[in-house]
């Protein structure tokens, strides 16, 4: 599948993301979320690991809404990040 040609003109960001998603067998959106989560968590873990997890899960929740609108990820992935954000907010509230 390395020489796959798109049927339509690929000029904008949504079309490029959809084209990349077809090339990666519907894993492009998940790979973006994992990368953003890892970078946000590593950046925030210098101070506090709990806050880093909460901020990384919230950032990925917002990004998953955007990727869900583009149909790059399944709706279950959005639900997973909703649960992770709620869980991290509960843990942060409890640790204060």
N, C-alpha and C. Protein backbone atom coordinates (compact mmCIF):
# COMPACT_ATOMS: atom_id res chain seq x y z
N UNK A 1 0.81 -1.18 0.00
CA UNK A 1 0.00 0.00 0.00
C UNK A 1 0.86 1.26 0.00
N UNK A 2 2.10 1.16 -0.36
CA UNK A 2 2.98 2.31 -0.31
C UNK A 2 2.79 3.25 -1.49
N UNK A 3 2.13 2.81 -2.55
CA UNK A 3 1.90 3.67 -3.71
C UNK A 3 0.42 3.97 -3.89
N UNK A 4 -0.27 4.17 -2.80
CA UNK A 4 -1.70 4.45 -2.83
C UNK A 4 -1.91 5.90 -3.26
N UNK A 5 -2.76 6.12 -4.25
CA UNK A 5 -3.07 7.47 -4.72
C UNK A 5 -4.47 7.85 -4.27
N UNK A 6 -4.63 9.06 -3.74
CA UNK A 6 -5.97 9.46 -3.31
C UNK A 6 -6.88 9.70 -4.52
N UNK A 7 -8.17 9.49 -4.31
CA UNK A 7 -9.14 9.68 -5.38
C UNK A 7 -9.43 11.16 -5.61
N UNK A 8 -9.37 11.97 -4.58
CA UNK A 8 -9.69 13.40 -4.70
C UNK A 8 -8.41 14.22 -4.54
N UNK A 9 -8.55 15.50 -4.71
CA UNK A 9 -7.43 16.41 -4.54
C UNK A 9 -7.15 16.60 -3.06
N UNK A 10 -5.92 16.39 -2.65
CA UNK A 10 -5.54 16.51 -1.25
C UNK A 10 -4.80 17.84 -1.09
N UNK A 11 -5.54 18.87 -0.65
CA UNK A 11 -4.94 20.18 -0.54
C UNK A 11 -5.00 20.75 0.87
N UNK A 12 -6.01 20.46 1.65
CA UNK A 12 -6.16 21.03 2.99
C UNK A 12 -5.72 20.06 4.07
N UNK A 13 -5.69 20.56 5.31
CA UNK A 13 -5.30 19.72 6.43
C UNK A 13 -6.25 18.55 6.67
N UNK A 14 -7.57 18.75 6.63
CA UNK A 14 -8.44 17.59 6.85
C UNK A 14 -8.24 16.50 5.80
N UNK A 15 -8.07 16.88 4.55
CA UNK A 15 -7.86 15.88 3.51
C UNK A 15 -6.53 15.15 3.69
N UNK A 16 -5.50 15.89 4.14
CA UNK A 16 -4.21 15.26 4.38
C UNK A 16 -4.28 14.29 5.54
N UNK A 17 -5.01 14.66 6.59
CA UNK A 17 -5.16 13.75 7.73
C UNK A 17 -5.93 12.50 7.33
N UNK A 18 -6.98 12.67 6.54
CA UNK A 18 -7.77 11.51 6.11
C UNK A 18 -6.94 10.62 5.20
N UNK A 19 -6.14 11.21 4.33
CA UNK A 19 -5.27 10.43 3.46
C UNK A 19 -4.22 9.68 4.27
N UNK A 20 -3.62 10.34 5.25
CA UNK A 20 -2.65 9.66 6.11
C UNK A 20 -3.31 8.56 6.93
N UNK A 21 -4.56 8.76 7.31
CA UNK A 21 -5.28 7.73 8.06
C UNK A 21 -5.53 6.50 7.20
N UNK A 22 -5.82 6.68 5.92
CA UNK A 22 -6.01 5.52 5.06
C UNK A 22 -4.69 4.80 4.81
N UNK A 23 -3.60 5.53 4.76
CA UNK A 23 -2.30 4.89 4.55
C UNK A 23 -1.84 4.09 5.77
N UNK A 24 -2.20 4.56 6.95
CA UNK A 24 -1.75 3.88 8.18
C UNK A 24 -2.79 2.90 8.71
N UNK A 25 -3.79 2.59 7.92
CA UNK A 25 -4.81 1.62 8.32
C UNK A 25 -5.58 2.08 9.56
N UNK A 26 -6.02 3.34 9.55
CA UNK A 26 -6.84 3.95 10.61
C UNK A 26 -6.13 4.07 11.95
N UNK A 27 -4.81 4.21 11.94
CA UNK A 27 -4.07 4.39 13.18
C UNK A 27 -3.45 5.78 13.32
N UNK A 28 -3.65 6.64 12.34
CA UNK A 28 -3.01 7.96 12.36
C UNK A 28 -3.50 8.81 13.52
N UNK A 29 -4.79 8.84 13.76
CA UNK A 29 -5.33 9.64 14.85
C UNK A 29 -4.87 9.15 16.21
N UNK A 30 -4.81 7.84 16.38
CA UNK A 30 -4.36 7.28 17.65
C UNK A 30 -2.88 7.57 17.87
N UNK A 31 -2.09 7.51 16.79
CA UNK A 31 -0.67 7.82 16.91
C UNK A 31 -0.46 9.28 17.30
N UNK A 32 -1.28 10.18 16.76
CA UNK A 32 -1.18 11.59 17.14
C UNK A 32 -1.50 11.77 18.62
N UNK A 33 -2.56 11.11 19.09
CA UNK A 33 -2.94 11.23 20.50
C UNK A 33 -1.87 10.68 21.43
N UNK A 34 -1.28 9.56 21.08
CA UNK A 34 -0.22 8.98 21.92
C UNK A 34 0.99 9.89 21.96
N UNK A 35 1.36 10.46 20.82
CA UNK A 35 2.50 11.36 20.78
C UNK A 35 2.25 12.62 21.60
N UNK A 36 1.08 13.22 21.44
CA UNK A 36 0.76 14.44 22.20
C UNK A 36 0.69 14.14 23.69
N UNK A 37 0.11 13.00 24.07
CA UNK A 37 0.04 12.64 25.48
C UNK A 37 1.43 12.46 26.06
N UNK A 38 2.32 11.78 25.34
CA UNK A 38 3.66 11.54 25.85
C UNK A 38 4.44 12.84 26.01
N UNK A 39 4.36 13.71 25.01
CA UNK A 39 5.09 14.98 25.09
C UNK A 39 4.54 15.86 26.21
N UNK A 40 3.21 15.95 26.33
CA UNK A 40 2.61 16.78 27.38
C UNK A 40 2.91 16.21 28.76
N UNK A 41 2.90 14.90 28.89
CA UNK A 41 3.19 14.29 30.19
C UNK A 41 4.66 14.49 30.57
N UNK A 42 5.57 14.31 29.62
CA UNK A 42 6.99 14.50 29.93
C UNK A 42 7.30 15.96 30.25
N UNK A 43 6.64 16.87 29.57
CA UNK A 43 6.87 18.28 29.85
C UNK A 43 6.36 18.67 31.24
N UNK A 44 5.22 18.14 31.62
CA UNK A 44 4.66 18.50 32.92
C UNK A 44 5.20 17.70 34.08
N UNK A 45 5.86 16.58 33.82
CA UNK A 45 6.31 15.72 34.92
C UNK A 45 7.56 16.27 35.61
N UNK A 46 8.08 17.38 35.15
CA UNK A 46 9.21 17.99 35.84
C UNK A 46 8.80 18.50 37.22
N UNK A 47 7.55 18.92 37.35
CA UNK A 47 7.08 19.49 38.62
C UNK A 47 6.29 18.48 39.44
N UNK A 48 5.19 17.96 38.88
CA UNK A 48 4.30 17.07 39.61
C UNK A 48 3.71 16.06 38.64
N UNK A 49 3.81 14.79 38.97
CA UNK A 49 3.34 13.75 38.06
C UNK A 49 1.83 13.72 37.97
N UNK A 50 1.14 13.97 39.06
CA UNK A 50 -0.33 13.97 39.02
C UNK A 50 -0.89 15.09 38.16
N UNK A 51 -0.32 16.25 38.32
CA UNK A 51 -0.76 17.38 37.49
C UNK A 51 -0.38 17.17 36.03
N UNK A 52 0.76 16.53 35.79
CA UNK A 52 1.18 16.26 34.42
C UNK A 52 0.22 15.28 33.75
N UNK A 53 -0.22 14.27 34.49
CA UNK A 53 -1.18 13.31 33.93
C UNK A 53 -2.51 13.99 33.65
N UNK A 54 -2.94 14.85 34.55
CA UNK A 54 -4.22 15.55 34.37
C UNK A 54 -4.16 16.50 33.17
N UNK A 55 -3.09 17.23 33.05
CA UNK A 55 -3.00 18.17 31.93
C UNK A 55 -2.84 17.43 30.61
N UNK A 56 -2.07 16.35 30.58
CA UNK A 56 -1.91 15.58 29.34
C UNK A 56 -3.22 14.93 28.92
N UNK A 57 -3.97 14.41 29.87
CA UNK A 57 -5.24 13.78 29.51
C UNK A 57 -6.26 14.83 29.05
N UNK A 58 -6.23 16.03 29.64
CA UNK A 58 -7.15 17.08 29.21
C UNK A 58 -6.80 17.59 27.81
N UNK A 59 -5.52 17.77 27.54
CA UNK A 59 -5.09 18.20 26.20
C UNK A 59 -5.50 17.16 25.16
N UNK A 60 -5.30 15.89 25.48
CA UNK A 60 -5.68 14.84 24.54
C UNK A 60 -7.20 14.70 24.42
N UNK A 61 -7.93 15.06 25.46
CA UNK A 61 -9.39 15.06 25.35
C UNK A 61 -9.84 16.10 24.34
N UNK A 62 -9.29 17.30 24.42
CA UNK A 62 -9.64 18.34 23.45
C UNK A 62 -9.23 17.94 22.04
N UNK A 63 -8.06 17.35 21.90
CA UNK A 63 -7.60 16.91 20.59
C UNK A 63 -8.44 15.76 20.06
N UNK A 64 -8.90 14.89 20.94
CA UNK A 64 -9.73 13.76 20.50
C UNK A 64 -11.09 14.23 20.01
N UNK A 65 -11.63 15.33 20.59
CA UNK A 65 -12.86 15.89 20.04
C UNK A 65 -12.66 16.33 18.60
N UNK A 66 -11.55 17.02 18.35
CA UNK A 66 -11.24 17.49 17.00
C UNK A 66 -11.04 16.31 16.04
N UNK A 67 -10.29 15.31 16.46
CA UNK A 67 -10.05 14.15 15.60
C UNK A 67 -11.31 13.31 15.42
N UNK A 68 -12.20 13.33 16.40
CA UNK A 68 -13.47 12.63 16.25
C UNK A 68 -14.38 13.29 15.24
N UNK A 69 -14.35 14.62 15.18
CA UNK A 69 -15.14 15.34 14.18
C UNK A 69 -14.64 15.02 12.78
N UNK A 70 -13.34 14.85 12.63
CA UNK A 70 -12.77 14.50 11.34
C UNK A 70 -12.90 13.02 11.00
N UNK A 71 -13.47 12.23 11.90
CA UNK A 71 -13.61 10.78 11.75
C UNK A 71 -12.27 10.08 11.61
N UNK A 72 -11.26 10.59 12.32
CA UNK A 72 -9.96 9.93 12.31
C UNK A 72 -9.84 8.91 13.44
N UNK A 73 -10.67 9.04 14.46
CA UNK A 73 -10.65 8.09 15.57
C UNK A 73 -12.08 7.64 15.85
N UNK A 74 -12.17 6.54 16.55
CA UNK A 74 -13.45 5.98 16.94
C UNK A 74 -14.01 6.77 18.14
N UNK A 75 -15.30 6.73 18.31
CA UNK A 75 -15.93 7.42 19.44
C UNK A 75 -15.52 6.84 20.78
N UNK A 76 -15.11 5.59 20.80
CA UNK A 76 -14.68 4.97 22.05
C UNK A 76 -13.39 5.60 22.57
N UNK A 77 -12.54 6.07 21.69
CA UNK A 77 -11.30 6.73 22.12
C UNK A 77 -11.63 8.03 22.83
N UNK A 78 -12.62 8.75 22.35
CA UNK A 78 -13.04 9.99 23.01
C UNK A 78 -13.56 9.68 24.41
N UNK A 79 -14.33 8.61 24.53
CA UNK A 79 -14.85 8.20 25.84
C UNK A 79 -13.72 7.82 26.79
N UNK A 80 -12.69 7.17 26.28
CA UNK A 80 -11.54 6.81 27.11
C UNK A 80 -10.87 8.07 27.67
N UNK A 81 -10.72 9.10 26.84
CA UNK A 81 -10.09 10.32 27.34
C UNK A 81 -11.01 11.11 28.25
N UNK A 82 -12.32 10.99 28.09
CA UNK A 82 -13.25 11.60 29.05
C UNK A 82 -13.08 10.93 30.41
N UNK A 83 -13.00 9.62 30.43
CA UNK A 83 -12.82 8.88 31.68
C UNK A 83 -11.46 9.19 32.31
N UNK A 84 -10.39 9.25 31.49
CA UNK A 84 -9.07 9.57 32.02
C UNK A 84 -9.03 10.97 32.62
N UNK A 85 -9.67 11.92 31.97
CA UNK A 85 -9.68 13.29 32.49
C UNK A 85 -10.48 13.37 33.79
N UNK A 86 -11.62 12.69 33.83
CA UNK A 86 -12.42 12.68 35.07
C UNK A 86 -11.68 11.99 36.20
N UNK A 87 -11.01 10.89 35.89
CA UNK A 87 -10.25 10.16 36.91
C UNK A 87 -9.09 11.01 37.43
N UNK A 88 -8.40 11.68 36.55
CA UNK A 88 -7.27 12.50 36.99
C UNK A 88 -7.75 13.72 37.78
N UNK A 89 -8.90 14.28 37.42
CA UNK A 89 -9.45 15.40 38.20
C UNK A 89 -9.86 14.94 39.60
N UNK A 90 -10.41 13.73 39.69
CA UNK A 90 -10.78 13.18 40.99
C UNK A 90 -9.56 12.93 41.84
N UNK A 91 -8.51 12.40 41.26
CA UNK A 91 -7.28 12.12 42.01
C UNK A 91 -6.63 13.43 42.45
N UNK A 92 -6.62 14.44 41.60
CA UNK A 92 -6.05 15.73 41.98
C UNK A 92 -6.85 16.39 43.11
N UNK A 93 -8.17 16.30 43.03
CA UNK A 93 -9.00 16.90 44.08
C UNK A 93 -8.79 16.19 45.40
N UNK A 94 -8.63 14.87 45.33
CA UNK A 94 -8.46 14.09 46.54
C UNK A 94 -7.09 14.30 47.18
N UNK A 95 -6.08 14.61 46.37
CA UNK A 95 -4.72 14.75 46.92
C UNK A 95 -4.47 16.11 47.55
N UNK A 96 -5.37 17.06 47.36
CA UNK A 96 -5.16 18.40 47.93
C UNK A 96 -5.35 18.44 49.40
